[in-house]
N, C-alpha and C. Protein backbone atom coordinates (compact mmCIF):
# COMPACT_ATOMS: atom_id res chain seq x y z
N MET A 1 -12.75 2.95 13.65
CA MET A 1 -11.33 3.04 13.34
C MET A 1 -11.18 3.04 11.81
N GLU A 2 -10.32 3.89 11.30
CA GLU A 2 -10.05 3.94 9.87
C GLU A 2 -9.04 2.87 9.49
N LEU A 3 -9.08 2.44 8.23
CA LEU A 3 -8.16 1.42 7.75
C LEU A 3 -6.71 1.84 7.93
N LYS A 4 -6.41 3.10 7.63
CA LYS A 4 -5.04 3.59 7.77
C LYS A 4 -4.56 3.44 9.21
N THR A 5 -5.40 3.79 10.18
CA THR A 5 -5.04 3.68 11.59
C THR A 5 -4.84 2.21 11.96
N ALA A 6 -5.73 1.36 11.49
CA ALA A 6 -5.62 -0.07 11.78
C ALA A 6 -4.30 -0.64 11.27
N ILE A 7 -3.93 -0.26 10.07
CA ILE A 7 -2.67 -0.75 9.50
C ILE A 7 -1.49 -0.21 10.28
N GLU A 8 -1.53 1.04 10.67
CA GLU A 8 -0.45 1.62 11.47
C GLU A 8 -0.27 0.87 12.79
N ILE A 9 -1.39 0.53 13.45
CA ILE A 9 -1.33 -0.22 14.71
C ILE A 9 -0.69 -1.58 14.48
N LEU A 10 -1.11 -2.27 13.43
CA LEU A 10 -0.57 -3.60 13.14
C LEU A 10 0.91 -3.53 12.74
N GLU A 11 1.29 -2.51 11.99
CA GLU A 11 2.69 -2.35 11.63
C GLU A 11 3.55 -2.07 12.86
N TYR A 12 3.05 -1.24 13.76
CA TYR A 12 3.77 -0.95 15.00
C TYR A 12 3.95 -2.24 15.80
N HIS A 13 2.89 -3.04 15.87
CA HIS A 13 2.96 -4.31 16.60
C HIS A 13 4.02 -5.23 15.99
N GLN A 14 4.07 -5.28 14.66
CA GLN A 14 5.08 -6.10 13.99
C GLN A 14 6.49 -5.62 14.34
N GLU A 15 6.70 -4.31 14.33
CA GLU A 15 8.01 -3.76 14.68
C GLU A 15 8.38 -4.12 16.12
N TRP A 16 7.43 -4.01 17.02
CA TRP A 16 7.66 -4.36 18.42
C TRP A 16 7.99 -5.85 18.54
N ARG A 17 7.22 -6.68 17.84
CA ARG A 17 7.41 -8.12 17.90
C ARG A 17 8.79 -8.53 17.37
N LYS A 18 9.30 -7.79 16.40
CA LYS A 18 10.61 -8.08 15.81
C LYS A 18 11.75 -7.40 16.55
N GLY A 19 11.43 -6.70 17.64
CA GLY A 19 12.46 -6.06 18.45
C GLY A 19 12.89 -4.69 18.00
N LYS A 20 12.17 -4.11 17.04
CA LYS A 20 12.51 -2.78 16.55
C LYS A 20 11.93 -1.68 17.43
N ARG A 21 10.99 -2.03 18.27
CA ARG A 21 10.38 -1.09 19.23
C ARG A 21 10.55 -1.68 20.62
N SER A 22 10.83 -0.81 21.59
CA SER A 22 11.08 -1.31 22.94
C SER A 22 9.81 -1.49 23.76
N ASP A 23 8.76 -0.77 23.42
CA ASP A 23 7.53 -0.90 24.21
C ASP A 23 6.32 -1.05 23.29
N MET A 24 5.37 -1.82 23.77
CA MET A 24 4.12 -2.01 23.02
C MET A 24 3.12 -1.01 23.55
N ILE A 25 2.75 -0.03 22.73
CA ILE A 25 1.90 1.06 23.21
C ILE A 25 0.42 0.81 22.99
N HIS A 26 0.08 -0.25 22.24
CA HIS A 26 -1.33 -0.53 21.94
C HIS A 26 -1.85 -1.67 22.80
N GLU A 27 -3.03 -1.48 23.37
CA GLU A 27 -3.66 -2.52 24.17
C GLU A 27 -4.14 -3.64 23.26
N SER A 28 -4.31 -4.82 23.83
CA SER A 28 -4.75 -5.97 23.03
C SER A 28 -6.11 -5.72 22.39
N LYS A 29 -6.97 -4.96 23.05
CA LYS A 29 -8.29 -4.64 22.49
C LYS A 29 -8.13 -3.86 21.19
N LYS A 30 -7.18 -2.90 21.15
CA LYS A 30 -6.94 -2.10 19.95
C LYS A 30 -6.34 -2.96 18.84
N LEU A 31 -5.45 -3.90 19.22
CA LEU A 31 -4.86 -4.79 18.23
C LEU A 31 -5.95 -5.66 17.58
N THR A 32 -6.85 -6.17 18.40
CA THR A 32 -7.94 -7.00 17.89
C THR A 32 -8.85 -6.18 16.98
N GLU A 33 -9.16 -4.96 17.39
CA GLU A 33 -10.00 -4.08 16.58
C GLU A 33 -9.33 -3.78 15.24
N ALA A 34 -8.01 -3.53 15.27
CA ALA A 34 -7.28 -3.25 14.04
C ALA A 34 -7.28 -4.46 13.11
N LEU A 35 -7.06 -5.63 13.67
CA LEU A 35 -7.06 -6.85 12.88
C LEU A 35 -8.44 -7.10 12.27
N ASP A 36 -9.49 -6.90 13.06
CA ASP A 36 -10.86 -7.05 12.55
C ASP A 36 -11.12 -6.09 11.39
N MET A 37 -10.65 -4.85 11.52
CA MET A 37 -10.86 -3.84 10.47
C MET A 37 -10.18 -4.26 9.17
N VAL A 38 -8.93 -4.70 9.26
CA VAL A 38 -8.18 -5.10 8.07
C VAL A 38 -8.80 -6.33 7.43
N LEU A 39 -9.17 -7.32 8.24
CA LEU A 39 -9.80 -8.52 7.70
C LEU A 39 -11.14 -8.21 7.04
N CYS A 40 -11.90 -7.32 7.64
CA CYS A 40 -13.18 -6.92 7.07
C CYS A 40 -12.97 -6.26 5.70
N GLU A 41 -11.97 -5.41 5.60
CA GLU A 41 -11.66 -4.73 4.33
C GLU A 41 -11.23 -5.74 3.27
N VAL A 42 -10.41 -6.70 3.67
CA VAL A 42 -9.96 -7.72 2.73
C VAL A 42 -11.15 -8.56 2.25
N LYS A 43 -12.00 -8.97 3.19
CA LYS A 43 -13.18 -9.77 2.81
C LYS A 43 -14.11 -8.98 1.90
N LYS A 44 -14.31 -7.72 2.23
CA LYS A 44 -15.19 -6.87 1.43
C LYS A 44 -14.66 -6.76 0.00
N ASN A 45 -13.36 -6.59 -0.13
CA ASN A 45 -12.78 -6.41 -1.45
C ASN A 45 -12.55 -7.73 -2.17
N SER A 46 -12.59 -8.86 -1.45
CA SER A 46 -12.44 -10.14 -2.13
C SER A 46 -13.64 -10.39 -3.04
N VAL A 47 -14.77 -9.82 -2.67
CA VAL A 47 -15.97 -9.94 -3.49
C VAL A 47 -15.78 -9.17 -4.80
N SER A 48 -15.01 -8.09 -4.75
CA SER A 48 -14.84 -7.26 -5.94
C SER A 48 -13.59 -7.62 -6.72
N GLY A 49 -13.10 -8.85 -6.56
CA GLY A 49 -12.05 -9.29 -7.46
C GLY A 49 -10.75 -9.74 -6.82
N TRP A 50 -10.51 -9.47 -5.57
CA TRP A 50 -9.26 -9.93 -4.97
C TRP A 50 -9.38 -11.40 -4.67
N ALA A 51 -8.36 -12.15 -5.02
CA ALA A 51 -8.38 -13.59 -4.75
C ALA A 51 -7.98 -13.88 -3.31
N SER A 52 -7.08 -13.06 -2.76
CA SER A 52 -6.61 -13.31 -1.40
C SER A 52 -6.01 -12.03 -0.83
N VAL A 53 -5.60 -12.10 0.43
CA VAL A 53 -4.99 -10.93 1.07
C VAL A 53 -3.71 -10.51 0.35
N THR A 54 -3.02 -11.45 -0.28
CA THR A 54 -1.79 -11.08 -0.98
C THR A 54 -2.07 -10.24 -2.21
N ASP A 55 -3.31 -10.26 -2.68
CA ASP A 55 -3.68 -9.44 -3.83
C ASP A 55 -4.10 -8.03 -3.42
N ALA A 56 -4.30 -7.81 -2.14
CA ALA A 56 -4.72 -6.50 -1.66
C ALA A 56 -3.55 -5.52 -1.84
N LEU A 57 -3.83 -4.40 -2.47
CA LEU A 57 -2.81 -3.40 -2.71
C LEU A 57 -2.98 -2.29 -1.69
N ILE A 58 -2.00 -2.11 -0.83
CA ILE A 58 -2.04 -1.09 0.20
C ILE A 58 -0.90 -0.12 -0.07
N ASP A 59 -1.22 1.17 -0.18
CA ASP A 59 -0.18 2.15 -0.49
C ASP A 59 0.61 2.55 0.76
N GLY A 60 1.54 3.45 0.58
CA GLY A 60 2.41 3.89 1.66
C GLY A 60 1.69 4.58 2.80
N ASP A 61 0.45 5.02 2.58
CA ASP A 61 -0.36 5.64 3.63
C ASP A 61 -1.41 4.70 4.19
N GLY A 62 -1.39 3.44 3.76
CA GLY A 62 -2.35 2.47 4.25
C GLY A 62 -3.68 2.48 3.52
N GLN A 63 -3.77 3.17 2.41
CA GLN A 63 -5.01 3.22 1.63
C GLN A 63 -5.03 2.07 0.63
N VAL A 64 -6.21 1.55 0.38
CA VAL A 64 -6.37 0.47 -0.58
C VAL A 64 -6.30 1.03 -2.00
N LEU A 65 -5.52 0.35 -2.84
CA LEU A 65 -5.38 0.76 -4.24
C LEU A 65 -6.05 -0.26 -5.15
N HIS A 66 -6.51 0.22 -6.30
CA HIS A 66 -7.10 -0.64 -7.32
C HIS A 66 -6.50 -0.27 -8.68
N GLU A 67 -6.59 -1.19 -9.59
CA GLU A 67 -6.11 -0.92 -10.94
C GLU A 67 -6.84 0.30 -11.50
N GLY A 68 -6.09 1.20 -12.12
CA GLY A 68 -6.67 2.42 -12.69
C GLY A 68 -6.64 3.61 -11.77
N ASP A 69 -6.26 3.41 -10.50
CA ASP A 69 -6.19 4.53 -9.56
C ASP A 69 -5.08 5.49 -9.95
N ARG A 70 -5.33 6.78 -9.70
CA ARG A 70 -4.30 7.80 -9.85
C ARG A 70 -3.39 7.71 -8.63
N VAL A 71 -2.10 7.64 -8.86
CA VAL A 71 -1.12 7.50 -7.79
C VAL A 71 0.05 8.45 -8.04
N PHE A 72 0.89 8.56 -7.02
CA PHE A 72 2.14 9.30 -7.22
C PHE A 72 3.25 8.63 -6.43
N THR A 73 4.46 8.90 -6.86
CA THR A 73 5.67 8.50 -6.15
C THR A 73 6.50 9.77 -5.99
N HIS A 74 7.51 9.69 -5.16
CA HIS A 74 8.41 10.83 -5.01
C HIS A 74 9.65 10.58 -5.87
N SER A 75 10.07 11.61 -6.56
CA SER A 75 11.27 11.49 -7.38
C SER A 75 12.10 12.76 -7.25
N PHE A 76 13.38 12.60 -7.50
CA PHE A 76 14.31 13.72 -7.41
C PHE A 76 14.58 14.25 -8.81
N THR A 77 14.41 15.54 -8.98
CA THR A 77 14.67 16.19 -10.26
C THR A 77 15.68 17.31 -10.04
N ASP A 78 15.93 18.07 -11.09
CA ASP A 78 16.84 19.22 -10.98
C ASP A 78 16.32 20.25 -9.98
N ASN A 79 15.01 20.25 -9.74
CA ASN A 79 14.39 21.20 -8.80
C ASN A 79 14.21 20.62 -7.40
N GLY A 80 14.77 19.45 -7.14
CA GLY A 80 14.62 18.81 -5.83
C GLY A 80 13.56 17.73 -5.86
N TRP A 81 13.12 17.34 -4.68
CA TRP A 81 12.11 16.28 -4.57
C TRP A 81 10.75 16.78 -5.00
N GLY A 82 10.01 15.92 -5.69
CA GLY A 82 8.67 16.27 -6.11
C GLY A 82 7.83 15.02 -6.31
N ARG A 83 6.57 15.25 -6.59
CA ARG A 83 5.65 14.14 -6.84
C ARG A 83 5.59 13.84 -8.33
N HIS A 84 5.58 12.57 -8.64
CA HIS A 84 5.54 12.10 -10.01
C HIS A 84 4.23 11.32 -10.15
N TYR A 85 3.26 11.86 -10.90
CA TYR A 85 1.90 11.30 -10.97
C TYR A 85 1.73 10.35 -12.15
N GLY A 86 0.87 9.36 -11.93
CA GLY A 86 0.55 8.42 -12.99
C GLY A 86 -0.66 7.57 -12.61
N THR A 87 -0.86 6.50 -13.37
CA THR A 87 -2.00 5.62 -13.18
C THR A 87 -1.49 4.19 -12.96
N LEU A 88 -2.08 3.50 -12.00
CA LEU A 88 -1.68 2.14 -11.65
C LEU A 88 -2.31 1.14 -12.62
N HIS A 89 -1.47 0.24 -13.15
CA HIS A 89 -1.92 -0.79 -14.08
C HIS A 89 -1.25 -2.12 -13.79
N ARG A 90 -1.87 -3.20 -14.26
CA ARG A 90 -1.20 -4.50 -14.24
C ARG A 90 -0.03 -4.43 -15.21
N ASN A 91 1.06 -5.05 -14.85
CA ASN A 91 2.26 -5.03 -15.68
C ASN A 91 2.17 -6.16 -16.70
N THR A 92 1.75 -5.83 -17.91
CA THR A 92 1.64 -6.84 -18.97
C THR A 92 2.90 -6.93 -19.81
N GLU A 93 3.70 -5.86 -19.78
CA GLU A 93 4.90 -5.84 -20.61
C GLU A 93 6.04 -6.66 -20.00
N PHE A 94 6.23 -6.54 -18.67
CA PHE A 94 7.30 -7.27 -17.99
C PHE A 94 6.76 -7.91 -16.70
N PRO A 95 5.83 -8.85 -16.80
CA PRO A 95 5.22 -9.43 -15.60
C PRO A 95 6.21 -10.22 -14.74
N GLU A 96 7.33 -10.62 -15.32
CA GLU A 96 8.33 -11.34 -14.53
C GLU A 96 9.05 -10.41 -13.55
N VAL A 97 8.96 -9.11 -13.77
CA VAL A 97 9.59 -8.13 -12.89
C VAL A 97 8.66 -7.77 -11.74
N SER A 98 7.40 -7.51 -12.06
CA SER A 98 6.43 -7.08 -11.07
C SER A 98 5.03 -7.26 -11.64
N ASP A 99 4.07 -7.52 -10.77
CA ASP A 99 2.67 -7.66 -11.21
C ASP A 99 2.05 -6.32 -11.58
N TRP A 100 2.61 -5.23 -11.05
CA TRP A 100 2.01 -3.90 -11.20
C TRP A 100 3.03 -2.91 -11.74
N CYS A 101 2.52 -1.90 -12.44
CA CYS A 101 3.38 -0.82 -12.93
C CYS A 101 2.59 0.48 -12.89
N ILE A 102 3.32 1.56 -12.99
CA ILE A 102 2.71 2.88 -13.05
C ILE A 102 3.02 3.48 -14.41
N HIS A 103 1.96 3.91 -15.10
CA HIS A 103 2.11 4.66 -16.35
C HIS A 103 2.08 6.13 -15.95
N TYR A 104 3.24 6.76 -15.94
CA TYR A 104 3.33 8.15 -15.51
C TYR A 104 2.81 9.09 -16.59
N ASP A 105 2.42 10.27 -16.15
CA ASP A 105 1.86 11.28 -17.06
C ASP A 105 2.84 11.70 -18.14
N ASP A 106 4.13 11.59 -17.89
CA ASP A 106 5.13 11.97 -18.88
C ASP A 106 5.46 10.80 -19.83
N ARG A 107 4.58 9.79 -19.82
CA ARG A 107 4.67 8.62 -20.69
C ARG A 107 5.73 7.60 -20.27
N GLU A 108 6.41 7.83 -19.16
CA GLU A 108 7.33 6.83 -18.62
C GLU A 108 6.50 5.73 -17.97
N GLN A 109 7.06 4.54 -17.88
CA GLN A 109 6.38 3.42 -17.24
C GLN A 109 7.41 2.66 -16.40
N PHE A 110 7.06 2.43 -15.13
CA PHE A 110 7.97 1.73 -14.24
C PHE A 110 7.23 0.67 -13.45
N ALA A 111 7.90 -0.44 -13.19
CA ALA A 111 7.33 -1.50 -12.37
C ALA A 111 7.27 -1.05 -10.92
N VAL A 112 6.24 -1.49 -10.22
CA VAL A 112 6.12 -1.21 -8.79
C VAL A 112 6.81 -2.34 -8.04
N LEU A 113 7.89 -2.01 -7.35
CA LEU A 113 8.62 -3.02 -6.58
C LEU A 113 8.25 -2.99 -5.11
N ASP A 114 7.76 -1.84 -4.63
CA ASP A 114 7.39 -1.71 -3.22
C ASP A 114 6.25 -0.70 -3.11
N PHE A 115 5.07 -1.16 -2.70
CA PHE A 115 3.91 -0.27 -2.60
C PHE A 115 4.05 0.74 -1.48
N ALA A 116 5.04 0.59 -0.60
CA ALA A 116 5.27 1.60 0.44
C ALA A 116 5.74 2.91 -0.17
N ASP A 117 6.23 2.85 -1.40
CA ASP A 117 6.71 4.05 -2.10
C ASP A 117 5.67 4.65 -3.03
N VAL A 118 4.46 4.07 -3.07
CA VAL A 118 3.38 4.51 -3.94
C VAL A 118 2.26 5.07 -3.07
N PHE A 119 1.65 6.18 -3.51
CA PHE A 119 0.60 6.83 -2.73
C PHE A 119 -0.58 7.16 -3.62
N LYS A 120 -1.79 6.99 -3.07
CA LYS A 120 -3.01 7.32 -3.81
C LYS A 120 -3.07 8.84 -3.96
N ALA A 121 -3.33 9.29 -5.18
CA ALA A 121 -3.37 10.73 -5.45
C ALA A 121 -4.72 11.32 -5.05
């Protein structure tokens, strides 16, 4: 099972548990497998610098992000919706706003408030 699939299964389960979904479509065996996959990924990456699961950066597609990764967000311009590319960094300028920021290619810099809106490029 891929990490993205595991996260999707766990997110679906959370939605079902909170009453946002009417039926649980995943068997308990799949839920356990998904949980094992995510925990394994967290443990594997804790060796490479993550202090805890709360430090794990998961993008909007369920991919693991690290400092320095190329990422994109969606933004609206005069030409409609498009991708806005940049590099993920720790937010040293305004850490009280967010721990992470994106330095965009056009030299703009914005704090990351929700990683669901950030995608690995």
